[in-house]
Amino acid sequence: MKASLFGAIAALLVTAAGVAQAADNYLVQLDDTLPGGQVAGNTYKNGTLIQSVVFSGDAIISSYGLWSGATLNASFDNQFNYYDLDGVTLSDTVEVSGTAGDSFFYIDFRSASALAGALPNGGAYIEDGSFQQAVYPGTVSNGDYYNIQMASEADAGGVPEPATWSLMLLGVAGLGGALRSRRNAAAAAA
């Protein structure tokens, strides 16, 4: 299990000098698919990676500063629950929220042992290891546009799902049957 990490995303707290001359598009991606239980936080500005931070831990709970001195136009609170491939087992939760007028928003990401349970108002995603649209705060005071996405690993525990076990057992049984049939045919020919 990954060790809990609180406040680590403070490393993502950034404020660029000056005011943007034109509206910029920012994409913030949290990637929970890295090996060794790490989470990457990447920020893209107009398609170019401008910041990358790697965290180790089951929890990232802190604030993310808006660039260029922007503030949030409206308050929001978006919650998402990520489930294993069985669609039942909760594996990750993400909550991104902010208050109108603030120059930052909060990110609360929890995985594995840091989970306290499903978020009551959260949407549901099935983990598939790809980036899924998780949060859309929209436009901030200076016209900049923000998107936040989350990629969650398809099998957080590394243990095959029941359906996978069934297929594996059927394959082994079929292989055993084929070998037994071949052995019987060889014995009959002798």
C-alpha atoms as a PDB file:
ATOM      1  CA  MET A   1       0.000   0.000   0.000  1.00  0.00           C
ATOM      2  CA  LYS A   2       1.074   3.506  -0.638  1.00  0.00           C
ATOM      3  CA  ALA A   3       1.792   5.675   2.378  1.00  0.00           C
ATOM      4  CA  SER A   4      -0.622   8.532   2.973  1.00  0.00           C
ATOM      5  CA  LEU A   5       0.493  11.902   1.719  1.00  0.00           C
ATOM      6  CA  PHE A   6      -1.347  15.027   2.841  1.00  0.00           C
ATOM      7  CA  GLY A   7      -0.690  18.486   1.497  1.00  0.00           C
ATOM      8  CA  ALA A   8       1.736  17.268  -1.170  1.00  0.00           C
ATOM      9  CA  ILE A   9      -0.133  18.942  -3.960  1.00  0.00           C
ATOM     10  CA  ALA A  10       0.915  22.251  -2.426  1.00  0.00           C
ATOM     11  CA  ALA A  11       3.916  21.819  -4.722  1.00  0.00           C
ATOM     12  CA  LEU A  12       1.455  22.484  -7.531  1.00  0.00           C
ATOM     13  CA  LEU A  13       0.454  25.826  -5.993  1.00  0.00           C
ATOM     14  CA  VAL A  14       1.614  28.289  -8.599  1.00  0.00           C
ATOM     15  CA  THR A  15       1.092  31.900  -9.523  1.00  0.00           C
ATOM     16  CA  ALA A  16       2.607  33.245 -12.715  1.00  0.00           C
ATOM     17  CA  ALA A  17       3.816  36.832 -12.829  1.00  0.00           C
ATOM     18  CA  GLY A  18       1.885  39.322 -14.884  1.00  0.00           C
ATOM     19  CA  VAL A  19      -1.507  39.101 -16.522  1.00  0.00           C
ATOM     20  CA  ALA A  20      -2.194  36.951 -19.551  1.00  0.00           C
ATOM     21  CA  GLN A  21      -2.565  38.960 -22.747  1.00  0.00           C
ATOM     22  CA  ALA A  22      -5.004  36.467 -24.237  1.00  0.00           C
ATOM     23  CA  ALA A  23      -7.134  33.664 -22.881  1.00  0.00           C
ATOM     24  CA  ASP A  24      -5.185  30.480 -22.263  1.00  0.00           C
ATOM     25  CA  ASN A  25      -6.332  26.880 -21.989  1.00  0.00           C
ATOM     26  CA  TYR A  26      -5.088  24.920 -18.981  1.00  0.00           C
ATOM     27  CA  LEU A  27      -5.442  21.167 -18.590  1.00  0.00           C
ATOM     28  CA  VAL A  28      -4.643  19.632 -15.213  1.00  0.00           C
ATOM     29  CA  GLN A  29      -4.242  15.856 -15.236  1.00  0.00           C
ATOM     30  CA  LEU A  30      -3.924  13.537 -12.251  1.00  0.00           C
ATOM     31  CA  ASP A  31      -2.485  10.200 -13.366  1.00  0.00           C
ATOM     32  CA  ASP A  32      -2.886   7.274 -10.968  1.00  0.00           C
ATOM     33  CA  THR A  33      -1.619   4.666 -13.470  1.00  0.00           C
ATOM     34  CA  LEU A  34       2.105   4.994 -12.718  1.00  0.00           C
ATOM     35  CA  PRO A  35       3.977   1.979 -11.360  1.00  0.00           C
ATOM     36  CA  GLY A  36       4.834   1.771  -7.683  1.00  0.00           C
ATOM     37  CA  GLY A  37       1.727   3.531  -6.413  1.00  0.00           C
ATOM     38  CA  GLN A  38       2.736   6.978  -7.605  1.00  0.00           C
ATOM     39  CA  VAL A  39       0.453   9.750  -8.832  1.00  0.00           C
ATOM     40  CA  ALA A  40       1.572  12.337 -11.385  1.00  0.00           C
ATOM     41  CA  GLY A  41       0.138  15.846 -11.491  1.00  0.00           C
ATOM     42  CA  ASN A  42       0.681  17.458 -14.896  1.00  0.00           C
ATOM     43  CA  THR A  43      -0.382  20.926 -16.028  1.00  0.00           C
ATOM     44  CA  TYR A  44      -0.598  21.810 -19.711  1.00  0.00           C
ATOM     45  CA  LYS A  45      -0.910  25.351 -21.058  1.00  0.00           C
ATOM     46  CA  ASN A  46      -2.254  25.513 -24.615  1.00  0.00           C
ATOM     47  CA  GLY A  47      -1.149  21.914 -25.134  1.00  0.00           C
ATOM     48  CA  THR A  48       2.386  22.335 -23.762  1.00  0.00           C
ATOM     49  CA  LEU A  49       3.456  20.684 -20.509  1.00  0.00           C
ATOM     50  CA  ILE A  50       4.442  23.477 -18.108  1.00  0.00           C
ATOM     51  CA  GLN A  51       4.517  21.629 -14.783  1.00  0.00           C
ATOM     52  CA  SER A  52       4.871  18.027 -13.633  1.00  0.00           C
ATOM     53  CA  VAL A  53       4.917  16.760 -10.042  1.00  0.00           C
ATOM     54  CA  VAL A  54       5.022  13.128  -8.909  1.00  0.00           C
ATOM     55  CA  PHE A  55       3.504  12.109  -5.580  1.00  0.00           C
ATOM     56  CA  SER A  56       3.740   8.895  -3.589  1.00  0.00           C
ATOM     57  CA  GLY A  57       0.786   8.268  -1.360  1.00  0.00           C
ATOM     58  CA  ASP A  58      -2.847   7.354  -1.073  1.00  0.00           C
ATOM     59  CA  ALA A  59      -4.078  10.900  -0.561  1.00  0.00           C
ATOM     60  CA  ILE A  60      -3.456  14.246  -2.228  1.00  0.00           C
ATOM     61  CA  ILE A  61      -5.364  16.927  -0.383  1.00  0.00           C
ATOM     62  CA  SER A  62      -4.507  20.563  -0.969  1.00  0.00           C
ATOM     63  CA  SER A  63      -5.018  23.556  -3.225  1.00  0.00           C
ATOM     64  CA  TYR A  64      -4.075  24.371  -6.800  1.00  0.00           C
ATOM     65  CA  GLY A  65      -3.384  28.003  -7.638  1.00  0.00           C
ATOM     66  CA  LEU A  66      -4.782  29.500 -10.826  1.00  0.00           C
ATOM     67  CA  TRP A  67      -2.228  30.970 -13.204  1.00  0.00           C
ATOM     68  CA  SER A  68      -1.881  34.653 -14.145  1.00  0.00           C
ATOM     69  CA  GLY A  69      -3.686  35.947 -11.061  1.00  0.00           C
ATOM     70  CA  ALA A  70      -7.069  34.658 -12.220  1.00  0.00           C
ATOM     71  CA  THR A  71      -9.985  34.021  -9.874  1.00  0.00           C
ATOM     72  CA  LEU A  72     -12.932  31.627 -10.099  1.00  0.00           C
ATOM     73  CA  ASN A  73     -16.071  33.042 -11.674  1.00  0.00           C
ATOM     74  CA  ALA A  74     -18.399  30.687  -9.808  1.00  0.00           C
ATOM     75  CA  SER A  75     -18.387  28.213  -6.950  1.00  0.00           C
ATOM     76  CA  PHE A  76     -18.390  24.509  -7.820  1.00  0.00           C
ATOM     77  CA  ASP A  77     -18.046  21.122  -6.158  1.00  0.00           C
ATOM     78  CA  ASN A  78     -17.497  18.129  -8.436  1.00  0.00           C
ATOM     79  CA  GLN A  79     -17.201  14.628  -6.981  1.00  0.00           C
ATOM     80  CA  PHE A  80     -16.309  11.395  -8.757  1.00  0.00           C
ATOM     81  CA  ASN A  81     -16.077   7.766  -7.684  1.00  0.00           C
ATOM     82  CA  TYR A  82     -13.870   5.310  -9.569  1.00  0.00           C
ATOM     83  CA  TYR A  83     -14.693   1.607  -9.461  1.00  0.00           C
ATOM     84  CA  ASP A  84     -12.752  -1.513 -10.434  1.00  0.00           C
ATOM     85  CA  LEU A  85     -13.730  -3.354 -13.595  1.00  0.00           C
ATOM     86  CA  ASP A  86     -16.444  -5.203 -11.658  1.00  0.00           C
ATOM     87  CA  GLY A  87     -18.295  -1.883 -11.310  1.00  0.00           C
ATOM     88  CA  VAL A  88     -18.808  -2.502  -7.587  1.00  0.00           C
ATOM     89  CA  THR A  89     -15.444  -2.225  -5.828  1.00  0.00           C
ATOM     90  CA  LEU A  90     -14.597   1.391  -5.012  1.00  0.00           C
ATOM     91  CA  SER A  91     -10.941   2.179  -5.660  1.00  0.00           C
ATOM     92  CA  ASP A  92     -10.484   5.955  -6.019  1.00  0.00           C
ATOM     93  CA  THR A  93     -12.392   9.142  -5.284  1.00  0.00           C
ATOM     94  CA  VAL A  94     -11.727  12.642  -6.593  1.00  0.00           C
ATOM     95  CA  GLU A  95     -13.320  15.875  -5.432  1.00  0.00           C
ATOM     96  CA  VAL A  96     -12.473  19.219  -7.008  1.00  0.00           C
ATOM     97  CA  SER A  97     -14.132  22.285  -5.534  1.00  0.00           C
ATOM     98  CA  GLY A  98     -13.748  26.022  -5.414  1.00  0.00           C
ATOM     99  CA  THR A  99     -15.385  29.235  -4.226  1.00  0.00           C
ATOM    100  CA  ALA A 100     -16.195  32.174  -6.469  1.00  0.00           C
ATOM    101  CA  GLY A 101     -13.551  34.893  -6.176  1.00  0.00           C
ATOM    102  CA  ASP A 102     -10.773  32.589  -4.947  1.00  0.00           C
ATOM    103  CA  SER A 103      -7.504  32.313  -6.882  1.00  0.00           C
ATOM    104  CA  PHE A 104      -7.261  28.557  -6.238  1.00  0.00           C
ATOM    105  CA  PHE A 105      -9.352  25.416  -6.120  1.00  0.00           C
ATOM    106  CA  TYR A 106      -9.126  22.353  -3.897  1.00  0.00           C
ATOM    107  CA  ILE A 107      -8.191  18.857  -5.050  1.00  0.00           C
ATOM    108  CA  ASP A 108      -8.979  15.901  -2.809  1.00  0.00           C
ATOM    109  CA  PHE A 109      -7.823  12.610  -4.344  1.00  0.00           C
ATOM    110  CA  ARG A 110      -7.956   9.412  -2.276  1.00  0.00           C
ATOM    111  CA  SER A 111      -7.036   5.878  -3.212  1.00  0.00           C
ATOM    112  CA  ALA A 112      -6.764   2.458  -1.570  1.00  0.00           C
ATOM    113  CA  SER A 113      -6.300   2.679   2.224  1.00  0.00           C
ATOM    114  CA  ALA A 114      -7.060   6.414   2.321  1.00  0.00           C
ATOM    115  CA  LEU A 115     -10.654   5.890   1.167  1.00  0.00           C
ATOM    116  CA  ALA A 116     -13.369   6.768   3.632  1.00  0.00           C
ATOM    117  CA  GLY A 117     -16.115   5.532   1.307  1.00  0.00           C
ATOM    118  CA  ALA A 118     -17.885   6.675  -1.832  1.00  0.00           C
ATOM    119  CA  LEU A 119     -18.588  10.372  -2.251  1.00  0.00           C
ATOM    120  CA  PRO A 120     -22.359  10.795  -1.802  1.00  0.00           C
ATOM    121  CA  ASN A 121     -22.871  13.134  -4.760  1.00  0.00           C
ATOM    122  CA  GLY A 122     -20.190  11.595  -6.941  1.00  0.00           C
ATOM    123  CA  GLY A 123     -20.529  10.446 -10.494  1.00  0.00           C
ATOM    124  CA  ALA A 124     -19.322   6.933 -11.269  1.00  0.00           C
ATOM    125  CA  TYR A 125     -16.545   5.824 -13.595  1.00  0.00           C
ATOM    126  CA  ILE A 126     -15.234   2.343 -14.319  1.00  0.00           C
ATOM    127  CA  GLU A 127     -11.440   2.327 -14.221  1.00  0.00           C
ATOM    128  CA  ASP A 128      -9.859   1.675 -17.598  1.00  0.00           C
ATOM    129  CA  GLY A 129      -6.464   3.333 -17.225  1.00  0.00           C
ATOM    130  CA  SER A 130      -7.281   6.152 -19.639  1.00  0.00           C
ATOM    131  CA  PHE A 131      -7.855   9.841 -18.977  1.00  0.00           C
ATOM    132  CA  GLN A 132     -11.527  10.402 -18.340  1.00  0.00           C
ATOM    133  CA  GLN A 133     -13.162  13.805 -18.133  1.00  0.00           C
ATOM    134  CA  ALA A 134     -13.609  14.281 -14.419  1.00  0.00           C
ATOM    135  CA  VAL A 135     -14.071  17.986 -13.800  1.00  0.00           C
ATOM    136  CA  TYR A 136     -14.936  20.974 -15.909  1.00  0.00           C
ATOM    137  CA  PRO A 137     -14.657  24.236 -13.946  1.00  0.00           C
ATOM    138  CA  GLY A 138     -14.778  26.322 -17.124  1.00  0.00           C
ATOM    139  CA  THR A 139     -13.717  29.920 -17.573  1.00  0.00           C
ATOM    140  CA  VAL A 140     -12.046  32.032 -14.868  1.00  0.00           C
ATOM    141  CA  SER A 141     -11.978  35.822 -14.389  1.00  0.00           C
ATOM    142  CA  ASN A 142      -9.281  36.619 -16.958  1.00  0.00           C
ATOM    143  CA  GLY A 143     -10.887  34.447 -19.640  1.00  0.00           C
ATOM    144  CA  ASP A 144      -8.569  31.471 -19.124  1.00  0.00           C
ATOM    145  CA  TYR A 145     -10.179  28.064 -19.453  1.00  0.00           C
ATOM    146  CA  TYR A 146      -9.555  25.112 -17.105  1.00  0.00           C
ATOM    147  CA  ASN A 147     -10.142  21.391 -17.445  1.00  0.00           C
ATOM    148  CA  ILE A 148      -9.211  18.756 -14.884  1.00  0.00           C
ATOM    149  CA  GLN A 149      -8.938  15.077 -15.829  1.00  0.00           C
ATOM    150  CA  MET A 150      -8.170  11.881 -13.955  1.00  0.00           C
ATOM    151  CA  ALA A 151      -6.654   8.612 -15.169  1.00  0.00           C
ATOM    152  CA  SER A 152      -7.261   5.762 -12.765  1.00  0.00           C
ATOM    153  CA  GLU A 153      -5.627   2.362 -13.033  1.00  0.00           C
ATOM    154  CA  ALA A 154      -7.730  -0.502 -14.300  1.00  0.00           C
ATOM    155  CA  ASP A 155      -6.780  -2.874 -11.480  1.00  0.00           C
ATOM    156  CA  ALA A 156      -5.592  -1.056  -8.370  1.00  0.00           C
ATOM    157  CA  GLY A 157      -5.033  -4.177  -6.267  1.00  0.00           C
ATOM    158  CA  GLY A 158      -3.273  -6.319  -8.844  1.00  0.00           C
ATOM    159  CA  VAL A 159      -5.704  -9.166  -8.119  1.00  0.00           C
ATOM    160  CA  PRO A 160      -7.663 -10.568 -11.082  1.00  0.00           C
ATOM    161  CA  GLU A 161     -11.411  -9.987 -11.120  1.00  0.00           C
ATOM    162  CA  PRO A 162     -13.692 -13.046 -10.613  1.00  0.00           C
ATOM    163  CA  ALA A 163     -14.486 -13.162 -14.335  1.00  0.00           C
ATOM    164  CA  THR A 164     -10.763 -13.225 -15.121  1.00  0.00           C
ATOM    165  CA  TRP A 165     -10.229 -16.073 -12.661  1.00  0.00           C
ATOM    166  CA  SER A 166     -13.071 -18.011 -14.333  1.00  0.00           C
ATOM    167  CA  LEU A 167     -11.530 -17.603 -17.780  1.00  0.00           C
ATOM    168  CA  MET A 168      -8.109 -18.642 -16.474  1.00  0.00           C
ATOM    169  CA  LEU A 169      -9.555 -21.765 -14.827  1.00  0.00           C
ATOM    170  CA  LEU A 170     -11.471 -22.692 -17.989  1.00  0.00           C
ATOM    171  CA  GLY A 171      -8.264 -22.302 -19.994  1.00  0.00           C
ATOM    172  CA  VAL A 172      -6.298 -24.534 -17.606  1.00  0.00           C
ATOM    173  CA  ALA A 173      -9.101 -27.142 -17.633  1.00  0.00           C
ATOM    174  CA  GLY A 174      -9.193 -27.085 -21.439  1.00  0.00           C
ATOM    175  CA  LEU A 175      -5.415 -27.461 -21.633  1.00  0.00           C
ATOM    176  CA  GLY A 176      -5.543 -30.378 -19.187  1.00  0.00           C
ATOM    177  CA  GLY A 177      -8.289 -32.040 -21.234  1.00  0.00           C
ATOM    178  CA  ALA A 178      -6.327 -31.650 -24.453  1.00  0.00           C
ATOM    179  CA  LEU A 179      -3.183 -33.170 -22.890  1.00  0.00           C
ATOM    180  CA  ARG A 180      -5.174 -36.067 -21.431  1.00  0.00           C
ATOM    181  CA  SER A 181      -6.806 -36.713 -24.812  1.00  0.00           C
ATOM    182  CA  ARG A 182      -3.414 -36.680 -26.550  1.00  0.00           C
ATOM    183  CA  ARG A 183      -1.990 -39.063 -23.926  1.00  0.00           C
ATOM    184  CA  ASN A 184      -4.953 -41.461 -24.341  1.00  0.00           C
ATOM    185  CA  ALA A 185      -4.610 -41.381 -28.122  1.00  0.00           C
ATOM    186  CA  ALA A 186      -0.881 -42.166 -27.863  1.00  0.00           C
ATOM    187  CA  ALA A 187      -1.557 -45.054 -25.478  1.00  0.00           C
ATOM    188  CA  ALA A 188      -4.243 -46.491 -27.775  1.00  0.00           C
ATOM    189  CA  ALA A 189      -1.905 -46.350 -30.781  1.00  0.00           C
ATOM    190  CA  ALA A 190       0.776 -48.281 -28.899  1.00  0.00           C
END
